[in-house]
């Protein structure tokens, strides 16, 4: 698992749905996850340490954990399957016992921020759906090897150093599958148009 932090919550003028973007702590990898507007607002409020006028579900869950002597140890983005991200939350009860629960990533992140818990992502998920932001005006070597940012370069170069960087077109297609699976049709249409623009015409 790779320790992550929140880079930010971003809106997209071409989509009705925002993204939370995770960044590898001390590393170059970014992981964007399309989320709902309510979840985005809950994450943004926690980042800004801005309490809601009335407690929302994540605030209540945080308070309940404190009252019963429990705590959230960590959350993990564990899998990307058919365009849908999966997460697990690791809870510790007052007696020290640990329970692991299935969760949506957006819910897990919103609660982790309130609990001060670590956020992790599986290296396989980063390789499949992450990307690296190019450094400003990087020197371009003609034969960039694994782990370097190539000229095409926004797709993640294997953060674990176990293989070559994935295909940019394949990454877009996986994001399209995720948007369709989550019924984010405006985002899916935008991604479809981007894929069509980038795909070379038949010979």
N, C-alpha and C. Protein backbone atom coordinates (compact mmCIF):
# COMPACT_ATOMS: atom_id res chain seq x y z
N UNK A 1 0.83 -1.19 0.00
CA UNK A 1 0.00 0.00 0.00
C UNK A 1 0.88 1.27 0.00
N UNK A 2 0.41 2.27 -0.70
CA UNK A 2 1.14 3.54 -0.84
C UNK A 2 0.40 4.61 -0.05
N UNK A 3 1.12 5.31 0.83
CA UNK A 3 0.52 6.37 1.62
C UNK A 3 0.20 7.56 0.72
N UNK A 4 -1.04 8.05 0.83
CA UNK A 4 -1.51 9.14 -0.01
C UNK A 4 -1.93 10.32 0.86
N UNK A 5 -2.10 11.46 0.22
CA UNK A 5 -2.68 12.63 0.85
C UNK A 5 -3.63 13.28 -0.15
N UNK A 6 -4.46 14.18 0.34
CA UNK A 6 -5.43 14.83 -0.55
C UNK A 6 -4.75 15.98 -1.28
N UNK A 7 -4.75 15.92 -2.61
CA UNK A 7 -4.26 17.04 -3.41
C UNK A 7 -5.32 18.11 -3.50
N UNK A 8 -6.58 17.72 -3.60
CA UNK A 8 -7.67 18.68 -3.67
C UNK A 8 -8.93 18.05 -4.21
N UNK A 9 -9.99 18.84 -4.15
CA UNK A 9 -11.27 18.47 -4.75
C UNK A 9 -11.51 19.46 -5.88
N UNK A 10 -11.73 18.95 -7.08
CA UNK A 10 -11.78 19.80 -8.26
C UNK A 10 -13.08 19.60 -9.03
N UNK A 11 -13.61 20.70 -9.50
CA UNK A 11 -14.75 20.64 -10.41
C UNK A 11 -14.24 20.63 -11.84
N UNK A 12 -15.05 20.14 -12.73
CA UNK A 12 -14.71 20.09 -14.14
C UNK A 12 -15.80 20.80 -14.93
N UNK A 13 -15.48 21.88 -15.65
CA UNK A 13 -16.53 22.61 -16.37
C UNK A 13 -17.22 21.77 -17.42
N UNK A 14 -16.60 20.67 -17.83
CA UNK A 14 -17.20 19.80 -18.83
C UNK A 14 -17.99 18.66 -18.22
N UNK A 15 -18.07 18.60 -16.89
CA UNK A 15 -18.76 17.51 -16.22
C UNK A 15 -19.56 18.05 -15.05
N UNK A 16 -20.66 17.37 -14.73
CA UNK A 16 -21.47 17.77 -13.58
C UNK A 16 -20.91 17.22 -12.28
N UNK A 17 -19.88 16.38 -12.35
CA UNK A 17 -19.38 15.71 -11.17
C UNK A 17 -17.94 16.09 -10.88
N UNK A 18 -17.62 16.31 -9.60
CA UNK A 18 -16.24 16.67 -9.22
C UNK A 18 -15.36 15.43 -9.07
N UNK A 19 -14.09 15.69 -8.83
CA UNK A 19 -13.11 14.64 -8.56
C UNK A 19 -12.36 14.98 -7.27
N UNK A 20 -12.07 13.95 -6.49
CA UNK A 20 -11.07 14.10 -5.43
C UNK A 20 -9.79 13.51 -6.00
N UNK A 21 -8.69 14.23 -5.83
CA UNK A 21 -7.41 13.77 -6.35
C UNK A 21 -6.49 13.48 -5.18
N UNK A 22 -6.03 12.24 -5.12
CA UNK A 22 -5.06 11.83 -4.11
C UNK A 22 -3.66 11.94 -4.68
N UNK A 23 -2.69 12.27 -3.83
CA UNK A 23 -1.30 12.37 -4.25
C UNK A 23 -0.44 11.48 -3.36
N UNK A 24 0.47 10.77 -3.97
CA UNK A 24 1.42 9.95 -3.21
C UNK A 24 2.26 10.86 -2.33
N UNK A 25 2.29 10.57 -1.04
CA UNK A 25 3.08 11.40 -0.12
C UNK A 25 4.56 11.19 -0.37
N UNK A 26 5.23 12.26 -0.75
CA UNK A 26 6.66 12.17 -1.04
C UNK A 26 6.98 11.56 -2.38
N UNK A 27 5.99 11.36 -3.22
CA UNK A 27 6.21 10.74 -4.53
C UNK A 27 5.44 11.45 -5.62
N UNK A 28 5.54 10.96 -6.87
CA UNK A 28 4.97 11.68 -8.01
C UNK A 28 3.58 11.24 -8.42
N UNK A 29 3.02 10.20 -7.80
CA UNK A 29 1.79 9.61 -8.31
C UNK A 29 0.55 10.36 -7.84
N UNK A 30 -0.39 10.54 -8.76
CA UNK A 30 -1.70 11.12 -8.46
C UNK A 30 -2.78 10.11 -8.83
N UNK A 31 -3.88 10.12 -8.08
CA UNK A 31 -5.00 9.23 -8.36
C UNK A 31 -6.30 10.02 -8.33
N UNK A 32 -6.95 10.24 -9.48
CA UNK A 32 -8.23 10.95 -9.50
C UNK A 32 -9.39 9.97 -9.35
N UNK A 33 -10.39 10.36 -8.55
CA UNK A 33 -11.57 9.53 -8.35
C UNK A 33 -12.79 10.42 -8.50
N UNK A 34 -13.67 10.09 -9.43
CA UNK A 34 -14.91 10.83 -9.62
C UNK A 34 -15.84 10.52 -8.45
N UNK A 35 -16.41 11.55 -7.84
CA UNK A 35 -17.28 11.37 -6.67
C UNK A 35 -18.53 12.22 -6.83
N UNK A 36 -19.47 12.02 -5.93
CA UNK A 36 -20.69 12.82 -5.94
C UNK A 36 -20.47 14.20 -5.36
N UNK A 37 -21.42 15.09 -5.61
CA UNK A 37 -21.28 16.47 -5.13
C UNK A 37 -21.36 16.57 -3.61
N UNK A 38 -22.24 15.78 -3.00
CA UNK A 38 -22.35 15.81 -1.53
C UNK A 38 -21.05 15.36 -0.89
N UNK A 39 -20.49 14.26 -1.39
CA UNK A 39 -19.24 13.74 -0.84
C UNK A 39 -18.10 14.74 -1.05
N UNK A 40 -18.10 15.40 -2.22
CA UNK A 40 -17.07 16.40 -2.50
C UNK A 40 -17.16 17.55 -1.50
N UNK A 41 -18.38 17.99 -1.20
CA UNK A 41 -18.55 19.08 -0.24
C UNK A 41 -18.10 18.65 1.15
N UNK A 42 -18.37 17.39 1.52
CA UNK A 42 -17.96 16.89 2.84
C UNK A 42 -16.45 16.81 2.95
N UNK A 43 -15.78 16.39 1.88
CA UNK A 43 -14.32 16.31 1.89
C UNK A 43 -13.71 17.71 1.93
N UNK A 44 -14.26 18.61 1.11
CA UNK A 44 -13.74 19.98 1.07
C UNK A 44 -13.91 20.67 2.42
N UNK A 45 -15.04 20.43 3.09
CA UNK A 45 -15.27 21.04 4.40
C UNK A 45 -14.26 20.54 5.43
N UNK A 46 -13.96 19.24 5.37
CA UNK A 46 -12.98 18.68 6.30
C UNK A 46 -11.58 19.24 6.02
N UNK A 47 -11.23 19.39 4.74
CA UNK A 47 -9.93 19.95 4.39
C UNK A 47 -9.79 21.38 4.90
N UNK A 48 -10.88 22.13 4.80
CA UNK A 48 -10.85 23.53 5.24
C UNK A 48 -11.10 23.67 6.73
N UNK A 49 -11.34 22.53 7.42
CA UNK A 49 -11.69 22.54 8.84
C UNK A 49 -12.84 23.50 9.10
N UNK A 50 -13.84 23.37 8.23
CA UNK A 50 -15.03 24.24 8.31
C UNK A 50 -16.22 23.41 8.76
N UNK A 51 -16.65 23.54 10.00
CA UNK A 51 -17.76 22.73 10.49
C UNK A 51 -19.07 23.09 9.79
N UNK A 52 -19.91 22.06 9.60
CA UNK A 52 -21.21 22.30 8.99
C UNK A 52 -22.13 22.99 9.99
N UNK A 53 -23.11 23.73 9.45
CA UNK A 53 -24.09 24.38 10.32
C UNK A 53 -24.83 23.33 11.15
N UNK A 54 -25.20 22.21 10.49
CA UNK A 54 -25.77 21.06 11.17
C UNK A 54 -24.90 19.85 10.86
N UNK A 55 -24.71 18.94 11.80
CA UNK A 55 -23.82 17.80 11.53
C UNK A 55 -24.33 16.94 10.38
N UNK A 56 -23.42 16.54 9.50
CA UNK A 56 -23.76 15.62 8.43
C UNK A 56 -23.34 14.22 8.86
N UNK A 57 -23.63 13.23 8.02
CA UNK A 57 -23.45 11.83 8.42
C UNK A 57 -22.01 11.52 8.84
N UNK A 58 -21.02 12.11 8.15
CA UNK A 58 -19.63 11.84 8.51
C UNK A 58 -19.27 12.43 9.87
N UNK A 59 -19.83 13.60 10.18
CA UNK A 59 -19.61 14.21 11.50
C UNK A 59 -20.22 13.33 12.59
N UNK A 60 -21.41 12.77 12.32
CA UNK A 60 -22.08 11.92 13.30
C UNK A 60 -21.27 10.64 13.52
N UNK A 61 -20.81 10.04 12.42
CA UNK A 61 -20.00 8.81 12.54
C UNK A 61 -18.73 9.09 13.35
N UNK A 62 -18.11 10.23 13.10
CA UNK A 62 -16.90 10.62 13.84
C UNK A 62 -17.21 10.76 15.33
N UNK A 63 -18.32 11.41 15.66
CA UNK A 63 -18.70 11.60 17.06
C UNK A 63 -19.02 10.28 17.73
N UNK A 64 -19.72 9.40 17.03
CA UNK A 64 -20.07 8.09 17.60
C UNK A 64 -18.80 7.31 17.92
N UNK A 65 -17.86 7.29 16.99
CA UNK A 65 -16.61 6.57 17.25
C UNK A 65 -15.91 7.11 18.50
N UNK A 66 -15.88 8.42 18.65
CA UNK A 66 -15.24 9.00 19.83
C UNK A 66 -15.98 8.62 21.11
N UNK A 67 -17.32 8.63 21.07
CA UNK A 67 -18.11 8.35 22.27
C UNK A 67 -17.95 6.91 22.74
N UNK A 68 -17.80 5.98 21.80
CA UNK A 68 -17.69 4.56 22.18
C UNK A 68 -16.24 4.12 22.34
N UNK A 69 -15.30 5.06 22.20
CA UNK A 69 -13.90 4.74 22.38
C UNK A 69 -13.26 4.04 21.20
N UNK A 70 -13.88 4.14 20.05
CA UNK A 70 -13.32 3.54 18.85
C UNK A 70 -12.59 4.58 18.02
N UNK A 71 -11.90 4.11 17.00
CA UNK A 71 -11.24 5.05 16.09
C UNK A 71 -10.99 4.38 14.74
N UNK A 72 -10.88 5.22 13.75
CA UNK A 72 -10.55 4.75 12.40
C UNK A 72 -9.03 4.74 12.27
N UNK A 73 -8.47 3.57 12.04
CA UNK A 73 -7.01 3.46 11.95
C UNK A 73 -6.48 3.93 10.61
N UNK A 74 -7.14 3.46 9.53
CA UNK A 74 -6.67 3.78 8.18
C UNK A 74 -7.74 3.38 7.19
N UNK A 75 -7.65 3.94 6.00
CA UNK A 75 -8.50 3.49 4.90
C UNK A 75 -7.59 3.09 3.75
N UNK A 76 -8.08 2.19 2.92
CA UNK A 76 -7.29 1.71 1.80
C UNK A 76 -8.16 1.66 0.54
N UNK A 77 -7.66 2.30 -0.53
CA UNK A 77 -8.27 2.14 -1.85
C UNK A 77 -7.67 0.85 -2.40
N UNK A 78 -8.44 -0.20 -2.45
CA UNK A 78 -7.88 -1.53 -2.66
C UNK A 78 -7.96 -2.04 -4.08
N UNK A 79 -8.95 -1.57 -4.85
CA UNK A 79 -9.20 -2.24 -6.12
C UNK A 79 -9.93 -1.30 -7.08
N UNK A 80 -9.70 -1.50 -8.35
CA UNK A 80 -10.47 -0.86 -9.41
C UNK A 80 -10.97 -1.98 -10.31
N UNK A 81 -12.28 -2.21 -10.28
CA UNK A 81 -12.86 -3.34 -11.01
C UNK A 81 -14.01 -2.84 -11.87
N UNK A 82 -13.87 -3.04 -13.18
CA UNK A 82 -14.89 -2.63 -14.16
C UNK A 82 -15.28 -1.17 -13.96
N UNK A 83 -14.27 -0.34 -13.73
CA UNK A 83 -14.50 1.10 -13.64
C UNK A 83 -14.93 1.60 -12.27
N UNK A 84 -15.07 0.72 -11.29
CA UNK A 84 -15.51 1.13 -9.96
C UNK A 84 -14.39 0.92 -8.94
N UNK A 85 -14.12 1.95 -8.14
CA UNK A 85 -13.13 1.85 -7.08
C UNK A 85 -13.75 1.20 -5.84
N UNK A 86 -12.92 0.43 -5.13
CA UNK A 86 -13.34 -0.20 -3.89
C UNK A 86 -12.38 0.22 -2.78
N UNK A 87 -12.93 0.36 -1.57
CA UNK A 87 -12.11 0.77 -0.43
C UNK A 87 -12.48 -0.06 0.79
N UNK A 88 -11.54 -0.11 1.75
CA UNK A 88 -11.76 -0.78 3.03
C UNK A 88 -11.41 0.21 4.13
N UNK A 89 -12.21 0.19 5.21
CA UNK A 89 -11.90 1.00 6.39
C UNK A 89 -11.54 0.05 7.53
N UNK A 90 -10.49 0.39 8.26
CA UNK A 90 -9.99 -0.43 9.36
C UNK A 90 -10.32 0.29 10.67
N UNK A 91 -11.23 -0.29 11.46
CA UNK A 91 -11.71 0.32 12.69
C UNK A 91 -11.17 -0.43 13.89
N UNK A 92 -10.82 0.32 14.93
CA UNK A 92 -10.39 -0.29 16.19
C UNK A 92 -11.40 0.05 17.27
N UNK A 93 -11.93 -0.98 17.94
CA UNK A 93 -12.88 -0.80 19.02
C UNK A 93 -12.16 -0.43 20.31
N UNK A 94 -12.95 -0.10 21.35
CA UNK A 94 -12.37 0.29 22.63
C UNK A 94 -11.56 -0.84 23.26
N UNK A 95 -11.94 -2.10 22.97
CA UNK A 95 -11.21 -3.22 23.55
C UNK A 95 -9.98 -3.61 22.74
N UNK A 96 -9.68 -2.84 21.69
CA UNK A 96 -8.50 -3.09 20.88
C UNK A 96 -8.73 -3.98 19.67
N UNK A 97 -9.91 -4.58 19.57
CA UNK A 97 -10.21 -5.45 18.43
C UNK A 97 -10.36 -4.60 17.17
N UNK A 98 -9.97 -5.19 16.04
CA UNK A 98 -9.98 -4.46 14.77
C UNK A 98 -10.97 -5.10 13.82
N UNK A 99 -11.78 -4.27 13.18
CA UNK A 99 -12.77 -4.72 12.21
C UNK A 99 -12.51 -4.00 10.89
N UNK A 100 -12.63 -4.73 9.80
CA UNK A 100 -12.45 -4.15 8.46
C UNK A 100 -13.78 -4.17 7.73
N UNK A 101 -14.17 -3.02 7.18
CA UNK A 101 -15.46 -2.89 6.52
C UNK A 101 -15.27 -2.40 5.08
N UNK A 102 -16.14 -2.88 4.20
CA UNK A 102 -16.18 -2.40 2.82
C UNK A 102 -16.76 -0.99 2.79
N UNK A 103 -16.28 -0.17 1.86
CA UNK A 103 -16.73 1.22 1.80
C UNK A 103 -16.54 1.78 0.40
N UNK A 104 -17.31 2.80 0.10
CA UNK A 104 -16.99 3.61 -1.08
C UNK A 104 -15.78 4.49 -0.75
N UNK A 105 -14.89 4.72 -1.70
CA UNK A 105 -13.73 5.57 -1.41
C UNK A 105 -14.10 6.96 -0.90
N UNK A 106 -15.12 7.57 -1.48
CA UNK A 106 -15.48 8.93 -1.08
C UNK A 106 -15.93 8.98 0.37
N UNK A 107 -16.73 7.99 0.82
CA UNK A 107 -17.16 7.96 2.22
C UNK A 107 -15.97 7.71 3.14
N UNK A 108 -15.10 6.78 2.73
CA UNK A 108 -13.93 6.46 3.55
C UNK A 108 -13.02 7.67 3.71
N UNK A 109 -12.81 8.41 2.62
CA UNK A 109 -11.93 9.59 2.68
C UNK A 109 -12.54 10.67 3.57
N UNK A 110 -13.86 10.91 3.42
CA UNK A 110 -14.51 11.95 4.22
C UNK A 110 -14.40 11.65 5.71
N UNK A 111 -14.53 10.37 6.09
CA UNK A 111 -14.42 10.01 7.49
C UNK A 111 -12.96 10.02 7.95
N UNK A 112 -12.05 9.56 7.09
CA UNK A 112 -10.63 9.55 7.46
C UNK A 112 -10.12 10.95 7.78
N UNK A 113 -10.56 11.93 7.02
CA UNK A 113 -10.12 13.31 7.28
C UNK A 113 -10.60 13.78 8.65
N UNK A 114 -11.80 13.39 9.05
CA UNK A 114 -12.32 13.80 10.35
C UNK A 114 -11.65 13.05 11.49
N UNK A 115 -11.16 11.85 11.22
CA UNK A 115 -10.52 11.04 12.25
C UNK A 115 -9.00 11.20 12.27
N UNK A 116 -8.45 11.89 11.28
CA UNK A 116 -7.01 11.99 11.19
C UNK A 116 -6.34 10.68 10.85
N UNK A 117 -7.03 9.83 10.10
CA UNK A 117 -6.52 8.50 9.75
C UNK A 117 -5.75 8.55 8.44
N UNK A 118 -4.83 7.59 8.27
CA UNK A 118 -4.05 7.51 7.05
C UNK A 118 -4.88 7.04 5.87
N UNK A 119 -4.53 7.54 4.70
CA UNK A 119 -5.20 7.17 3.45
C UNK A 119 -4.17 6.47 2.57
N UNK A 120 -4.50 5.25 2.15
CA UNK A 120 -3.58 4.44 1.37
C UNK A 120 -4.25 3.99 0.08
N UNK A 121 -3.43 3.72 -0.93
CA UNK A 121 -3.92 3.17 -2.19
C UNK A 121 -3.02 2.01 -2.59
N UNK A 122 -3.62 0.99 -3.14
CA UNK A 122 -2.85 -0.16 -3.61
C UNK A 122 -1.98 0.27 -4.79
N UNK A 123 -0.74 -0.23 -4.83
CA UNK A 123 0.16 0.10 -5.93
C UNK A 123 -0.43 -0.32 -7.26
N UNK A 124 -1.19 -1.42 -7.29
CA UNK A 124 -1.80 -1.88 -8.54
C UNK A 124 -2.83 -0.89 -9.05
N UNK A 125 -3.58 -0.26 -8.12
CA UNK A 125 -4.57 0.75 -8.53
C UNK A 125 -3.85 1.98 -9.10
N UNK A 126 -2.75 2.38 -8.48
CA UNK A 126 -1.99 3.53 -9.00
C UNK A 126 -1.43 3.24 -10.38
N UNK A 127 -0.93 2.03 -10.57
CA UNK A 127 -0.40 1.69 -11.90
C UNK A 127 -1.51 1.70 -12.95
N UNK A 128 -2.69 1.28 -12.55
CA UNK A 128 -3.78 1.16 -13.52
C UNK A 128 -4.46 2.48 -13.83
N UNK A 129 -4.65 3.32 -12.81
CA UNK A 129 -5.48 4.51 -13.00
C UNK A 129 -4.81 5.81 -12.61
N UNK A 130 -3.59 5.76 -12.07
CA UNK A 130 -2.92 6.99 -11.66
C UNK A 130 -2.21 7.67 -12.81
N UNK A 131 -1.61 8.80 -12.48
CA UNK A 131 -0.81 9.54 -13.47
C UNK A 131 0.25 10.35 -12.75
N UNK A 132 1.20 10.83 -13.52
CA UNK A 132 2.25 11.70 -13.00
C UNK A 132 2.14 13.05 -13.70
N UNK A 133 2.15 14.12 -12.93
CA UNK A 133 2.13 15.45 -13.53
C UNK A 133 3.55 15.81 -13.95
N UNK A 134 3.74 16.19 -15.20
CA UNK A 134 5.10 16.55 -15.63
C UNK A 134 5.63 17.74 -14.85
N UNK A 135 6.91 17.71 -14.56
CA UNK A 135 7.57 18.86 -13.93
C UNK A 135 7.60 20.03 -14.92
N UNK A 136 7.64 21.26 -14.43
CA UNK A 136 7.70 22.41 -15.35
C UNK A 136 8.94 22.34 -16.24
N UNK A 137 8.72 22.38 -17.54
CA UNK A 137 9.76 22.38 -18.55
C UNK A 137 10.84 21.33 -18.25
N UNK A 138 10.45 20.06 -18.15
CA UNK A 138 11.45 19.03 -17.86
C UNK A 138 12.35 18.78 -19.05
N UNK A 139 13.63 18.46 -18.82
CA UNK A 139 14.49 18.08 -19.95
C UNK A 139 14.02 16.75 -20.51
N UNK A 140 13.83 16.68 -21.82
CA UNK A 140 13.34 15.47 -22.46
C UNK A 140 14.48 14.69 -23.07
N UNK A 141 14.73 13.52 -22.52
CA UNK A 141 15.72 12.62 -23.10
C UNK A 141 15.05 11.80 -24.18
N UNK A 142 15.73 11.47 -25.25
CA UNK A 142 15.10 10.75 -26.36
C UNK A 142 14.66 9.34 -26.00
N UNK A 143 15.29 8.73 -25.00
CA UNK A 143 14.93 7.35 -24.68
C UNK A 143 14.67 7.23 -23.19
N UNK A 144 13.59 7.91 -22.73
CA UNK A 144 13.24 7.87 -21.32
C UNK A 144 12.88 6.45 -20.93
N UNK A 145 13.44 6.01 -19.81
CA UNK A 145 13.21 4.65 -19.35
C UNK A 145 12.07 4.59 -18.36
N UNK A 146 11.78 3.39 -17.83
CA UNK A 146 10.71 3.25 -16.84
C UNK A 146 10.97 4.13 -15.63
N UNK A 147 9.87 4.74 -15.14
CA UNK A 147 9.99 5.61 -13.98
C UNK A 147 10.23 7.05 -14.35
N UNK A 148 10.54 7.37 -15.62
CA UNK A 148 10.71 8.74 -16.06
C UNK A 148 9.44 9.20 -16.77
N UNK A 149 9.28 10.53 -16.85
CA UNK A 149 8.12 11.07 -17.54
C UNK A 149 8.47 11.20 -19.01
N UNK A 150 7.80 10.45 -19.84
CA UNK A 150 8.05 10.50 -21.27
C UNK A 150 7.30 11.68 -21.88
N UNK A 151 7.52 11.91 -23.17
CA UNK A 151 6.94 13.09 -23.81
C UNK A 151 5.43 13.07 -23.76
N UNK A 152 4.80 11.91 -23.85
CA UNK A 152 3.35 11.84 -23.84
C UNK A 152 2.80 12.10 -22.46
N UNK A 153 3.55 11.99 -21.49
CA UNK A 153 3.56 11.88 -20.17
C UNK A 153 2.72 12.15 -19.03
N UNK A 154 1.41 12.04 -19.06
CA UNK A 154 0.64 12.25 -17.86
C UNK A 154 0.22 10.94 -17.21
N UNK A 155 0.53 9.83 -17.79
CA UNK A 155 0.11 8.56 -17.22
C UNK A 155 1.13 8.08 -16.21
N UNK A 156 0.68 7.43 -15.19
CA UNK A 156 1.55 7.02 -14.11
C UNK A 156 2.64 6.06 -14.57
N UNK A 157 3.88 6.40 -14.31
CA UNK A 157 5.00 5.48 -14.47
C UNK A 157 5.12 4.71 -13.17
N UNK A 158 5.02 3.45 -13.24
CA UNK A 158 4.94 2.49 -12.15
C UNK A 158 5.57 2.97 -10.85
N UNK A 159 4.77 3.39 -9.82
CA UNK A 159 5.35 3.93 -8.59
C UNK A 159 6.09 2.87 -7.79
N UNK A 160 5.74 1.60 -7.99
CA UNK A 160 6.42 0.53 -7.25
C UNK A 160 7.65 0.04 -7.98
N UNK A 161 7.90 0.54 -9.20
CA UNK A 161 9.06 0.14 -9.96
C UNK A 161 9.00 -1.29 -10.44
N UNK A 162 7.78 -1.80 -10.68
CA UNK A 162 7.65 -3.21 -11.05
C UNK A 162 7.29 -3.42 -12.50
N UNK A 163 7.17 -2.36 -13.27
CA UNK A 163 6.80 -2.57 -14.66
C UNK A 163 6.79 -1.28 -15.43
N UNK A 164 6.53 -1.33 -16.73
CA UNK A 164 6.50 -0.13 -17.56
C UNK A 164 5.24 0.68 -17.32
N UNK A 165 5.24 1.97 -17.67
CA UNK A 165 4.05 2.79 -17.49
C UNK A 165 2.92 2.30 -18.37
N UNK A 166 1.65 2.45 -17.91
CA UNK A 166 0.53 1.99 -18.70
C UNK A 166 0.26 2.86 -19.91
N UNK A 167 -0.57 2.35 -20.79
CA UNK A 167 -0.94 3.03 -22.02
C UNK A 167 -1.89 4.18 -21.71
N UNK A 168 -1.61 5.44 -22.15
CA UNK A 168 -2.51 6.56 -21.86
C UNK A 168 -3.93 6.32 -22.36
N UNK A 169 -4.08 5.74 -23.54
CA UNK A 169 -5.42 5.47 -24.07
C UNK A 169 -6.16 4.47 -23.18
N UNK A 170 -5.45 3.47 -22.70
CA UNK A 170 -6.08 2.48 -21.83
C UNK A 170 -6.56 3.12 -20.54
N UNK A 171 -5.77 4.08 -20.01
CA UNK A 171 -6.17 4.77 -18.78
C UNK A 171 -7.45 5.57 -19.00
N UNK A 172 -7.55 6.24 -20.15
CA UNK A 172 -8.77 6.97 -20.46
C UNK A 172 -9.96 6.04 -20.58
N UNK A 173 -9.74 4.90 -21.22
CA UNK A 173 -10.83 3.94 -21.39
C UNK A 173 -11.29 3.39 -20.04
N UNK A 174 -10.36 3.18 -19.10
CA UNK A 174 -10.76 2.72 -17.77
C UNK A 174 -11.56 3.79 -17.04
N UNK A 175 -11.15 5.06 -17.20
CA UNK A 175 -11.92 6.13 -16.58
C UNK A 175 -13.32 6.23 -17.18
N UNK A 176 -13.43 5.96 -18.47
CA UNK A 176 -14.74 5.94 -19.13
C UNK A 176 -15.60 4.83 -18.53
N UNK A 177 -15.01 3.65 -18.34
CA UNK A 177 -15.76 2.54 -17.74
C UNK A 177 -16.23 2.90 -16.34
N UNK A 178 -15.37 3.58 -15.56
CA UNK A 178 -15.76 3.98 -14.22
C UNK A 178 -16.94 4.95 -14.26
N UNK A 179 -16.89 5.94 -15.15
CA UNK A 179 -17.96 6.93 -15.24
C UNK A 179 -19.28 6.27 -15.63
N UNK A 180 -19.24 5.32 -16.57
CA UNK A 180 -20.46 4.62 -16.98
C UNK A 180 -21.00 3.78 -15.83
N UNK A 181 -20.09 3.07 -15.13
CA UNK A 181 -20.52 2.21 -14.02
C UNK A 181 -21.18 3.02 -12.91
N UNK A 182 -20.72 4.26 -12.69
CA UNK A 182 -21.27 5.10 -11.64
C UNK A 182 -22.37 6.03 -12.17
N UNK A 183 -22.77 5.79 -13.43
CA UNK A 183 -23.85 6.56 -14.07
C UNK A 183 -23.53 8.05 -14.13
N UNK A 184 -22.26 8.37 -14.34
CA UNK A 184 -21.83 9.76 -14.51
C UNK A 184 -21.76 10.02 -16.01
N UNK A 185 -22.92 10.22 -16.61
CA UNK A 185 -23.01 10.18 -18.06
C UNK A 185 -22.37 11.40 -18.73
N UNK A 186 -22.41 12.54 -18.08
CA UNK A 186 -21.75 13.72 -18.66
C UNK A 186 -20.25 13.52 -18.71
N UNK A 187 -19.69 12.97 -17.61
CA UNK A 187 -18.26 12.68 -17.58
C UNK A 187 -17.91 11.62 -18.62
N UNK A 188 -18.79 10.61 -18.75
CA UNK A 188 -18.55 9.55 -19.73
C UNK A 188 -18.53 10.12 -21.15
N UNK A 189 -19.44 11.03 -21.43
CA UNK A 189 -19.48 11.63 -22.76
C UNK A 189 -18.23 12.45 -23.04
N UNK A 190 -17.73 13.17 -22.02
CA UNK A 190 -16.51 13.95 -22.20
C UNK A 190 -15.32 13.04 -22.48
N UNK A 191 -15.23 11.96 -21.71
CA UNK A 191 -14.12 11.02 -21.91
C UNK A 191 -14.21 10.34 -23.26
N UNK A 192 -15.42 10.00 -23.67
CA UNK A 192 -15.60 9.38 -24.99
C UNK A 192 -15.12 10.32 -26.09
N UNK A 193 -15.46 11.61 -25.97
CA UNK A 193 -15.02 12.58 -26.98
C UNK A 193 -13.51 12.72 -26.97
N UNK A 194 -12.89 12.70 -25.78
CA UNK A 194 -11.44 12.82 -25.69
C UNK A 194 -10.74 11.61 -26.31
N UNK A 195 -11.31 10.42 -26.05
CA UNK A 195 -10.76 9.20 -26.65
C UNK A 195 -10.85 9.26 -28.16
N UNK A 196 -12.00 9.72 -28.67
CA UNK A 196 -12.18 9.83 -30.13
C UNK A 196 -11.20 10.80 -30.74
N UNK A 197 -10.92 11.89 -30.01
CA UNK A 197 -9.99 12.90 -30.53
C UNK A 197 -8.56 12.36 -30.59
N UNK A 198 -8.18 11.58 -29.56
CA UNK A 198 -6.82 11.09 -29.47
C UNK A 198 -6.57 9.84 -30.31
N UNK A 199 -7.61 9.09 -30.60
CA UNK A 199 -7.42 7.84 -31.34
C UNK A 199 -7.08 8.16 -32.79
N UNK A 200 -5.99 7.60 -33.32
CA UNK A 200 -5.63 7.91 -34.71
C UNK A 200 -6.67 7.36 -35.69
N UNK A 201 -6.91 8.09 -36.80
CA UNK A 201 -7.88 7.62 -37.78
C UNK A 201 -7.39 6.32 -38.44
N UNK A 202 -8.33 5.47 -38.87
CA UNK A 202 -7.92 4.23 -39.54
C UNK A 202 -7.15 4.52 -40.81
N UNK A 203 -6.15 3.70 -41.08
CA UNK A 203 -5.32 3.89 -42.28
C UNK A 203 -6.10 3.57 -43.54
